[in-house]
C-alpha atoms as a PDB file:
ATOM      1  CA  MET A   1       5.638 -33.868 -45.304  1.00  0.00           C
ATOM      2  CA  THR A   2       8.711 -32.450 -45.989  1.00  0.00           C
ATOM      3  CA  ALA A   3       6.710 -29.096 -47.410  1.00  0.00           C
ATOM      4  CA  ALA A   4       4.823 -29.155 -44.070  1.00  0.00           C
ATOM      5  CA  GLY A   5       7.993 -29.171 -41.873  1.00  0.00           C
ATOM      6  CA  VAL A   6       9.453 -26.405 -44.125  1.00  0.00           C
ATOM      7  CA  LEU A   7       6.310 -24.176 -43.268  1.00  0.00           C
ATOM      8  CA  PHE A   8       6.089 -24.836 -39.941  1.00  0.00           C
ATOM      9  CA  VAL A   9       9.706 -23.643 -39.204  1.00  0.00           C
ATOM     10  CA  ALA A  10       9.126 -20.767 -41.523  1.00  0.00           C
ATOM     11  CA  PHE A  11       6.166 -19.706 -39.724  1.00  0.00           C
ATOM     12  CA  ALA A  12       7.610 -20.081 -36.552  1.00  0.00           C
ATOM     13  CA  PHE A  13      10.680 -18.001 -37.497  1.00  0.00           C
ATOM     14  CA  ALA A  14       8.402 -15.069 -38.756  1.00  0.00           C
ATOM     15  CA  ALA A  15       6.161 -15.525 -35.666  1.00  0.00           C
ATOM     16  CA  GLY A  16       9.066 -14.794 -33.702  1.00  0.00           C
ATOM     17  CA  ARG A  17      10.568 -11.785 -35.824  1.00  0.00           C
ATOM     18  CA  LEU A  18       6.719 -10.272 -35.518  1.00  0.00           C
ATOM     19  CA  LEU A  19       6.427 -10.644 -31.948  1.00  0.00           C
ATOM     20  CA  ARG A  20       9.908 -10.071 -30.259  1.00  0.00           C
ATOM     21  CA  PRO A  21      10.226  -6.557 -28.557  1.00  0.00           C
ATOM     22  CA  VAL A  22      12.167  -4.108 -30.627  1.00  0.00           C
ATOM     23  CA  VAL A  23      14.132  -1.704 -28.554  1.00  0.00           C
ATOM     24  CA  PRO A  24      17.214  -0.517 -29.690  1.00  0.00           C
ATOM     25  CA  THR A  25      19.213   1.139 -27.136  1.00  0.00           C
ATOM     26  CA  ARG A  26      22.851   2.543 -27.276  1.00  0.00           C
ATOM     27  CA  GLU A  27      23.752   0.162 -24.233  1.00  0.00           C
ATOM     28  CA  LYS A  28      22.925  -3.037 -26.386  1.00  0.00           C
ATOM     29  CA  PHE A  29      25.511  -1.940 -29.034  1.00  0.00           C
ATOM     30  CA  LEU A  30      28.010  -1.506 -26.447  1.00  0.00           C
ATOM     31  CA  THR A  31      30.433  -4.563 -25.853  1.00  0.00           C
ATOM     32  CA  TYR A  32      30.039  -6.341 -22.975  1.00  0.00           C
ATOM     33  CA  GLU A  33      33.272  -6.586 -20.561  1.00  0.00           C
ATOM     34  CA  CYS A  34      31.849  -7.735 -16.734  1.00  0.00           C
ATOM     35  CA  GLY A  35      30.962  -4.401 -15.924  1.00  0.00           C
ATOM     36  CA  VAL A  36      34.297  -2.629 -17.178  1.00  0.00           C
ATOM     37  CA  ASP A  37      33.679   0.486 -19.654  1.00  0.00           C
ATOM     38  CA  PRO A  38      35.032  -0.795 -22.817  1.00  0.00           C
ATOM     39  CA  VAL A  39      38.456   0.217 -24.164  1.00  0.00           C
ATOM     40  CA  GLY A  40      38.823   0.768 -27.956  1.00  0.00           C
ATOM     41  CA  GLU A  41      37.126  -1.321 -30.611  1.00  0.00           C
ATOM     42  CA  GLY A  42      34.647  -3.862 -29.454  1.00  0.00           C
ATOM     43  CA  TRP A  43      35.782  -6.277 -32.576  1.00  0.00           C
ATOM     44  CA  ALA A  44      38.981  -7.878 -32.370  1.00  0.00           C
ATOM     45  CA  HIS A  45      40.707 -10.137 -34.918  1.00  0.00           C
ATOM     46  CA  THR A  46      41.597 -13.266 -33.268  1.00  0.00           C
ATOM     47  CA  GLN A  47      43.658 -16.230 -35.071  1.00  0.00           C
ATOM     48  CA  VAL A  48      42.121 -19.454 -34.041  1.00  0.00           C
ATOM     49  CA  ARG A  49      44.055 -22.511 -34.885  1.00  0.00           C
ATOM     50  CA  TYR A  50      41.934 -25.510 -33.758  1.00  0.00           C
ATOM     51  CA  TYR A  51      40.602 -26.008 -37.007  1.00  0.00           C
ATOM     52  CA  VAL A  52      44.227 -27.255 -38.134  1.00  0.00           C
ATOM     53  CA  TYR A  53      43.924 -30.038 -34.887  1.00  0.00           C
ATOM     54  CA  ALA A  54      40.505 -30.773 -35.695  1.00  0.00           C
ATOM     55  CA  PHE A  55      41.195 -31.374 -39.687  1.00  0.00           C
ATOM     56  CA  LEU A  56      44.138 -33.589 -38.637  1.00  0.00           C
ATOM     57  CA  TYR A  57      42.125 -35.818 -35.775  1.00  0.00           C
ATOM     58  CA  VAL A  58      39.133 -36.453 -38.828  1.00  0.00           C
ATOM     59  CA  ILE A  59      42.036 -37.283 -41.193  1.00  0.00           C
ATOM     60  CA  PHE A  60      43.738 -40.000 -38.797  1.00  0.00           C
ATOM     61  CA  ALA A  61      40.019 -41.061 -37.598  1.00  0.00           C
ATOM     62  CA  VAL A  62      38.874 -41.837 -41.175  1.00  0.00           C
ATOM     63  CA  ASP A  63      42.248 -43.351 -41.705  1.00  0.00           C
ATOM     64  CA  SER A  64      41.996 -45.380 -38.786  1.00  0.00           C
ATOM     65  CA  ILE A  65      38.664 -46.952 -39.962  1.00  0.00           C
ATOM     66  CA  PHE A  66      40.832 -48.472 -42.676  1.00  0.00           C
ATOM     67  CA  LEU A  67      43.059 -50.175 -40.016  1.00  0.00           C
ATOM     68  CA  PHE A  68      40.418 -52.559 -38.810  1.00  0.00           C
ATOM     69  CA  PRO A  69      39.645 -54.336 -42.405  1.00  0.00           C
ATOM     70  CA  TRP A  70      43.237 -54.700 -42.556  1.00  0.00           C
ATOM     71  CA  ALA A  71      43.606 -56.371 -39.502  1.00  0.00           C
ATOM     72  CA  THR A  72      41.094 -58.925 -40.165  1.00  0.00           C
ATOM     73  CA  VAL A  73      42.307 -59.642 -43.406  1.00  0.00           C
ATOM     74  CA  PHE A  74      45.804 -59.963 -42.128  1.00  0.00           C
ATOM     75  CA  ALA A  75      44.798 -62.585 -39.945  1.00  0.00           C
ATOM     76  CA  ALA A  76      43.527 -64.466 -43.318  1.00  0.00           C
ATOM     77  CA  PRO A  77      45.773 -67.243 -44.565  1.00  0.00           C
ATOM     78  CA  GLY A  78      47.680 -66.428 -47.720  1.00  0.00           C
ATOM     79  CA  TYR A  79      47.201 -62.621 -47.679  1.00  0.00           C
ATOM     80  CA  GLY A  80      49.606 -61.742 -44.598  1.00  0.00           C
ATOM     81  CA  ALA A  81      52.485 -60.723 -46.407  1.00  0.00           C
ATOM     82  CA  THR A  82      50.784 -58.734 -49.097  1.00  0.00           C
ATOM     83  CA  THR A  83      48.467 -56.655 -46.529  1.00  0.00           C
ATOM     84  CA  LEU A  84      51.003 -55.943 -44.435  1.00  0.00           C
ATOM     85  CA  VAL A  85      53.207 -54.538 -47.107  1.00  0.00           C
ATOM     86  CA  GLU A  86      49.954 -52.901 -48.375  1.00  0.00           C
ATOM     87  CA  MET A  87      49.348 -51.281 -44.869  1.00  0.00           C
ATOM     88  CA  PHE A  88      52.947 -50.043 -44.310  1.00  0.00           C
ATOM     89  CA  VAL A  89      52.862 -48.119 -47.905  1.00  0.00           C
ATOM     90  CA  PHE A  90      49.396 -46.451 -46.302  1.00  0.00           C
ATOM     91  CA  LEU A  91      50.964 -45.570 -43.157  1.00  0.00           C
ATOM     92  CA  GLY A  92      53.702 -44.252 -44.936  1.00  0.00           C
ATOM     93  CA  PHE A  93      51.969 -41.723 -46.878  1.00  0.00           C
ATOM     94  CA  LEU A  94      50.018 -40.589 -43.501  1.00  0.00           C
ATOM     95  CA  ALA A  95      53.728 -40.188 -42.120  1.00  0.00           C
ATOM     96  CA  ILE A  96      54.783 -38.399 -44.909  1.00  0.00           C
ATOM     97  CA  GLY A  97      51.626 -36.131 -44.843  1.00  0.00           C
ATOM     98  CA  LEU A  98      52.048 -35.576 -40.990  1.00  0.00           C
ATOM     99  CA  LEU A  99      55.785 -34.801 -41.400  1.00  0.00           C
ATOM    100  CA  TYR A 100      54.935 -32.088 -44.141  1.00  0.00           C
ATOM    101  CA  ALA A 101      52.599 -30.540 -42.046  1.00  0.00           C
ATOM    102  CA  TRP A 102      55.396 -30.358 -38.767  1.00  0.00           C
ATOM    103  CA  LYS A 103      57.841 -29.179 -41.070  1.00  0.00           C
ATOM    104  CA  LYS A 104      55.705 -26.547 -42.703  1.00  0.00           C
ATOM    105  CA  GLY A 105      54.969 -25.248 -39.051  1.00  0.00           C
ATOM    106  CA  VAL A 106      51.188 -25.959 -39.141  1.00  0.00           C
ATOM    107  CA  LEU A 107      51.549 -27.890 -35.646  1.00  0.00           C
ATOM    108  CA  GLU A 108      52.780 -25.028 -34.047  1.00  0.00           C
ATOM    109  CA  TRP A 109      50.536 -23.389 -31.549  1.00  0.00           C
ATOM    110  CA  THR A 110      51.961 -19.899 -31.713  1.00  0.00           C
END
């Protein structure tokens, strides 16, 4: 079944490649700038820093998953103080990592 799916996708890509019109023109290679004539090089290097915030979000979202079982065990008799200390150690490691990133300037937008 997987082979049939792979063959179907390969056939679809091959058919698209064979059937599409190929008419290269000079205008197609120009950068589109809303009707204004392009100035300078069409490709510009920009630094996108969203990945840092996305990475931090994933880290803290995954770490918050560990907080839910802790909340259920914390209410159980006999485990309160032990789990409280363990969770503060865990949150301390997260805080140290966040402070390190802040100190290194990773969280600065510009």
